[in-house]
Amino acid sequence: MKVREHGVAVQRWRKRRGLTQRELAFLVKKSQTTIYLIESGQLITISEPLALEIARRLDVPWEELFELRESSRGAAVTNGGHIAARATA
């Protein structure tokens, strides 16, 4: 999923909830560096499970923090890769 507002929304909601980057990282089982990279706009896309967990822990609808990637071509390639990997395993 694509991070909205270059991570500013995540940072804003994290601070509203009174959490540090380290505390949010602990809650979503990621490193503080990951949260920093999201909030600083250096990590512009993240996995759907991570996006949903961040939104859940901040008690914010995920649409306020993230958006689905618009490229259907990229999704098709990813899905195809997973299917092929399962077929050969």
N, C-alpha and C. Protein backbone atom coordinates (compact mmCIF):
# COMPACT_ATOMS: atom_id res chain seq x y z
N MET A 1 0.84 -1.17 0.00
CA MET A 1 0.00 0.00 0.00
C MET A 1 0.89 1.24 0.00
N LYS A 2 0.38 2.28 -0.59
CA LYS A 2 1.12 3.54 -0.66
C LYS A 2 0.84 4.38 0.58
N VAL A 3 1.90 4.94 1.15
CA VAL A 3 1.78 5.77 2.34
C VAL A 3 1.30 7.16 1.91
N ARG A 4 0.22 7.64 2.50
CA ARG A 4 -0.33 8.97 2.17
C ARG A 4 0.51 10.07 2.80
N GLU A 5 0.48 11.23 2.17
CA GLU A 5 1.09 12.45 2.69
C GLU A 5 2.54 12.26 3.11
N HIS A 6 3.26 11.38 2.43
CA HIS A 6 4.68 11.14 2.72
C HIS A 6 4.90 10.78 4.19
N GLY A 7 3.94 10.12 4.80
CA GLY A 7 4.08 9.66 6.18
C GLY A 7 3.65 10.65 7.25
N VAL A 8 3.31 11.87 6.84
CA VAL A 8 2.92 12.89 7.82
C VAL A 8 1.66 12.47 8.58
N ALA A 9 0.72 11.84 7.90
CA ALA A 9 -0.53 11.42 8.55
C ALA A 9 -0.25 10.37 9.63
N VAL A 10 0.65 9.44 9.33
CA VAL A 10 1.00 8.42 10.33
C VAL A 10 1.60 9.09 11.55
N GLN A 11 2.53 10.01 11.32
CA GLN A 11 3.17 10.71 12.43
C GLN A 11 2.15 11.52 13.24
N ARG A 12 1.27 12.21 12.54
CA ARG A 12 0.26 13.03 13.22
C ARG A 12 -0.63 12.18 14.12
N TRP A 13 -1.13 11.06 13.60
CA TRP A 13 -2.00 10.20 14.39
C TRP A 13 -1.25 9.49 15.50
N ARG A 14 0.00 9.12 15.26
CA ARG A 14 0.80 8.49 16.32
C ARG A 14 0.95 9.45 17.49
N LYS A 15 1.25 10.70 17.19
CA LYS A 15 1.42 11.69 18.26
C LYS A 15 0.11 11.98 18.96
N ARG A 16 -1.00 12.01 18.22
CA ARG A 16 -2.32 12.22 18.85
C ARG A 16 -2.64 11.11 19.83
N ARG A 17 -2.17 9.92 19.53
CA ARG A 17 -2.43 8.78 20.42
C ARG A 17 -1.41 8.69 21.55
N GLY A 18 -0.46 9.62 21.57
CA GLY A 18 0.51 9.66 22.65
C GLY A 18 1.55 8.56 22.59
N LEU A 19 1.85 8.08 21.40
CA LEU A 19 2.82 7.00 21.23
C LEU A 19 4.14 7.53 20.67
N THR A 20 5.23 6.92 21.08
CA THR A 20 6.52 7.19 20.45
C THR A 20 6.67 6.27 19.24
N GLN A 21 7.65 6.54 18.42
CA GLN A 21 7.92 5.65 17.29
C GLN A 21 8.25 4.25 17.81
N ARG A 22 9.01 4.19 18.88
CA ARG A 22 9.40 2.90 19.45
C ARG A 22 8.18 2.12 19.94
N GLU A 23 7.24 2.81 20.59
CA GLU A 23 6.04 2.14 21.10
C GLU A 23 5.17 1.63 19.96
N LEU A 24 4.99 2.44 18.93
CA LEU A 24 4.20 1.98 17.78
C LEU A 24 4.89 0.80 17.11
N ALA A 25 6.20 0.89 16.96
CA ALA A 25 6.96 -0.21 16.36
C ALA A 25 6.75 -1.50 17.14
N PHE A 26 6.80 -1.42 18.46
CA PHE A 26 6.58 -2.59 19.30
C PHE A 26 5.18 -3.17 19.06
N LEU A 27 4.18 -2.31 18.99
CA LEU A 27 2.80 -2.76 18.81
C LEU A 27 2.58 -3.46 17.48
N VAL A 28 3.29 -3.02 16.44
CA VAL A 28 3.11 -3.61 15.11
C VAL A 28 4.21 -4.62 14.77
N LYS A 29 5.07 -4.90 15.76
CA LYS A 29 6.13 -5.91 15.62
C LYS A 29 7.11 -5.58 14.49
N LYS A 30 7.49 -4.31 14.43
CA LYS A 30 8.50 -3.84 13.48
C LYS A 30 9.52 -3.02 14.24
N SER A 31 10.57 -2.59 13.56
CA SER A 31 11.58 -1.78 14.23
C SER A 31 11.19 -0.31 14.27
N GLN A 32 11.79 0.42 15.19
CA GLN A 32 11.57 1.87 15.25
C GLN A 32 12.05 2.50 13.96
N THR A 33 13.08 1.94 13.36
CA THR A 33 13.58 2.46 12.09
C THR A 33 12.51 2.38 11.00
N THR A 34 11.75 1.30 10.98
CA THR A 34 10.67 1.17 9.99
C THR A 34 9.65 2.29 10.15
N ILE A 35 9.26 2.57 11.38
CA ILE A 35 8.29 3.65 11.63
C ILE A 35 8.90 4.99 11.21
N TYR A 36 10.17 5.21 11.56
CA TYR A 36 10.86 6.43 11.15
C TYR A 36 10.86 6.57 9.63
N LEU A 37 11.18 5.51 8.91
CA LEU A 37 11.23 5.56 7.45
C LEU A 37 9.86 5.87 6.85
N ILE A 38 8.81 5.32 7.44
CA ILE A 38 7.45 5.61 6.96
C ILE A 38 7.13 7.08 7.20
N GLU A 39 7.36 7.55 8.41
CA GLU A 39 7.00 8.92 8.77
C GLU A 39 7.83 9.97 8.05
N SER A 40 9.05 9.64 7.70
CA SER A 40 9.92 10.61 7.02
C SER A 40 9.76 10.59 5.51
N GLY A 41 8.88 9.72 5.01
CA GLY A 41 8.63 9.65 3.58
C GLY A 41 9.66 8.87 2.80
N GLN A 42 10.55 8.20 3.49
CA GLN A 42 11.58 7.42 2.81
C GLN A 42 11.10 6.02 2.42
N LEU A 43 10.04 5.57 3.08
CA LEU A 43 9.42 4.28 2.75
C LEU A 43 8.03 4.61 2.25
N ILE A 44 7.85 4.57 0.93
CA ILE A 44 6.60 5.07 0.36
C ILE A 44 5.55 3.99 0.11
N THR A 45 5.98 2.74 0.08
CA THR A 45 5.02 1.65 -0.03
C THR A 45 5.35 0.61 1.04
N ILE A 46 4.31 0.06 1.64
CA ILE A 46 4.48 -0.98 2.65
C ILE A 46 3.48 -2.10 2.38
N SER A 47 3.67 -3.20 3.04
CA SER A 47 2.76 -4.34 2.85
C SER A 47 1.37 -4.01 3.39
N GLU A 48 0.40 -4.65 2.82
CA GLU A 48 -0.97 -4.45 3.28
C GLU A 48 -1.15 -4.87 4.74
N PRO A 49 -0.60 -6.01 5.16
CA PRO A 49 -0.76 -6.37 6.58
C PRO A 49 -0.16 -5.33 7.52
N LEU A 50 1.00 -4.76 7.18
CA LEU A 50 1.60 -3.74 8.04
C LEU A 50 0.75 -2.48 8.05
N ALA A 51 0.26 -2.06 6.90
CA ALA A 51 -0.58 -0.87 6.83
C ALA A 51 -1.83 -1.03 7.68
N LEU A 52 -2.48 -2.17 7.57
CA LEU A 52 -3.70 -2.42 8.34
C LEU A 52 -3.42 -2.48 9.84
N GLU A 53 -2.28 -3.05 10.21
CA GLU A 53 -1.94 -3.14 11.63
C GLU A 53 -1.62 -1.75 12.21
N ILE A 54 -0.92 -0.93 11.45
CA ILE A 54 -0.64 0.44 11.91
C ILE A 54 -1.96 1.18 12.11
N ALA A 55 -2.83 1.10 11.13
CA ALA A 55 -4.13 1.78 11.23
C ALA A 55 -4.92 1.26 12.43
N ARG A 56 -4.90 -0.04 12.64
CA ARG A 56 -5.63 -0.64 13.76
C ARG A 56 -5.07 -0.15 15.09
N ARG A 57 -3.77 -0.14 15.22
CA ARG A 57 -3.14 0.27 16.48
C ARG A 57 -3.33 1.76 16.75
N LEU A 58 -3.45 2.56 15.67
CA LEU A 58 -3.69 3.99 15.84
C LEU A 58 -5.18 4.31 15.92
N ASP A 59 -6.01 3.29 15.70
CA ASP A 59 -7.47 3.44 15.73
C ASP A 59 -7.93 4.49 14.73
N VAL A 60 -7.45 4.33 13.50
CA VAL A 60 -7.76 5.25 12.40
C VAL A 60 -8.13 4.40 11.18
N PRO A 61 -9.14 4.80 10.41
CA PRO A 61 -9.42 4.06 9.17
C PRO A 61 -8.17 4.05 8.28
N TRP A 62 -7.85 2.90 7.72
CA TRP A 62 -6.62 2.78 6.93
C TRP A 62 -6.59 3.76 5.77
N GLU A 63 -7.76 4.13 5.25
CA GLU A 63 -7.82 5.05 4.10
C GLU A 63 -7.27 6.43 4.44
N GLU A 64 -7.22 6.78 5.72
CA GLU A 64 -6.66 8.08 6.10
C GLU A 64 -5.14 8.07 6.09
N LEU A 65 -4.56 6.89 6.18
CA LEU A 65 -3.10 6.78 6.26
C LEU A 65 -2.46 6.22 4.99
N PHE A 66 -3.22 5.41 4.27
CA PHE A 66 -2.66 4.67 3.13
C PHE A 66 -3.65 4.65 1.97
N GLU A 67 -3.13 4.33 0.80
CA GLU A 67 -4.01 4.13 -0.36
C GLU A 67 -3.52 2.91 -1.11
N LEU A 68 -4.44 2.27 -1.79
CA LEU A 68 -4.08 1.12 -2.59
C LEU A 68 -3.22 1.58 -3.75
N ARG A 69 -2.28 0.76 -4.13
CA ARG A 69 -1.47 1.09 -5.31
C ARG A 69 -2.36 1.05 -6.53
N GLU A 70 -2.22 2.03 -7.39
CA GLU A 70 -3.09 2.11 -8.56
C GLU A 70 -2.66 1.21 -9.70
N SER A 71 -1.45 0.78 -9.71
CA SER A 71 -0.94 -0.01 -10.82
C SER A 71 -1.46 -1.44 -10.76
N SER A 72 -2.39 -1.76 -11.61
CA SER A 72 -2.91 -3.13 -11.65
C SER A 72 -1.88 -4.06 -12.28
N ARG A 73 -0.99 -3.52 -13.13
CA ARG A 73 0.04 -4.32 -13.75
C ARG A 73 0.98 -4.90 -12.70
N GLY A 74 1.40 -4.08 -11.73
CA GLY A 74 2.28 -4.54 -10.67
C GLY A 74 1.62 -5.61 -9.82
N ALA A 75 0.34 -5.45 -9.54
CA ALA A 75 -0.38 -6.43 -8.72
C ALA A 75 -0.48 -7.76 -9.46
N ALA A 76 -0.71 -7.70 -10.78
CA ALA A 76 -0.83 -8.93 -11.55
C ALA A 76 0.49 -9.69 -11.55
N VAL A 77 1.60 -8.98 -11.69
CA VAL A 77 2.91 -9.62 -11.67
C VAL A 77 3.16 -10.26 -10.31
N THR A 78 2.84 -9.53 -9.24
CA THR A 78 3.03 -10.07 -7.89
C THR A 78 2.18 -11.32 -7.70
N ASN A 79 0.90 -11.24 -8.07
CA ASN A 79 0.03 -12.39 -7.90
C ASN A 79 0.52 -13.57 -8.74
N GLY A 80 0.95 -13.28 -9.95
CA GLY A 80 1.46 -14.35 -10.81
C GLY A 80 2.69 -15.01 -10.20
N GLY A 81 3.55 -14.22 -9.60
CA GLY A 81 4.76 -14.76 -8.97
C GLY A 81 4.42 -15.67 -7.81
N HIS A 82 3.42 -15.29 -7.02
CA HIS A 82 3.03 -16.13 -5.89
C HIS A 82 2.42 -17.45 -6.37
N ILE A 83 1.62 -17.37 -7.40
CA ILE A 83 0.99 -18.59 -7.93
C ILE A 83 2.06 -19.52 -8.49
N ALA A 84 3.01 -18.96 -9.25
CA ALA A 84 4.06 -19.77 -9.83
C ALA A 84 4.92 -20.40 -8.73
N ALA A 85 5.20 -19.64 -7.69
CA ALA A 85 6.02 -20.16 -6.59
C ALA A 85 5.34 -21.32 -5.89
N ARG A 86 4.03 -21.21 -5.71
CA ARG A 86 3.30 -22.30 -5.05
C ARG A 86 3.24 -23.54 -5.93
N ALA A 87 3.12 -23.32 -7.24
CA ALA A 87 2.99 -24.44 -8.16
C ALA A 87 4.28 -25.27 -8.21
N THR A 88 5.45 -24.61 -8.06
CA THR A 88 6.70 -25.32 -8.14
C THR A 88 7.14 -25.89 -6.81
N ALA A 89 6.56 -25.41 -5.73
CA ALA A 89 7.02 -25.85 -4.40
C ALA A 89 6.48 -27.20 -4.03
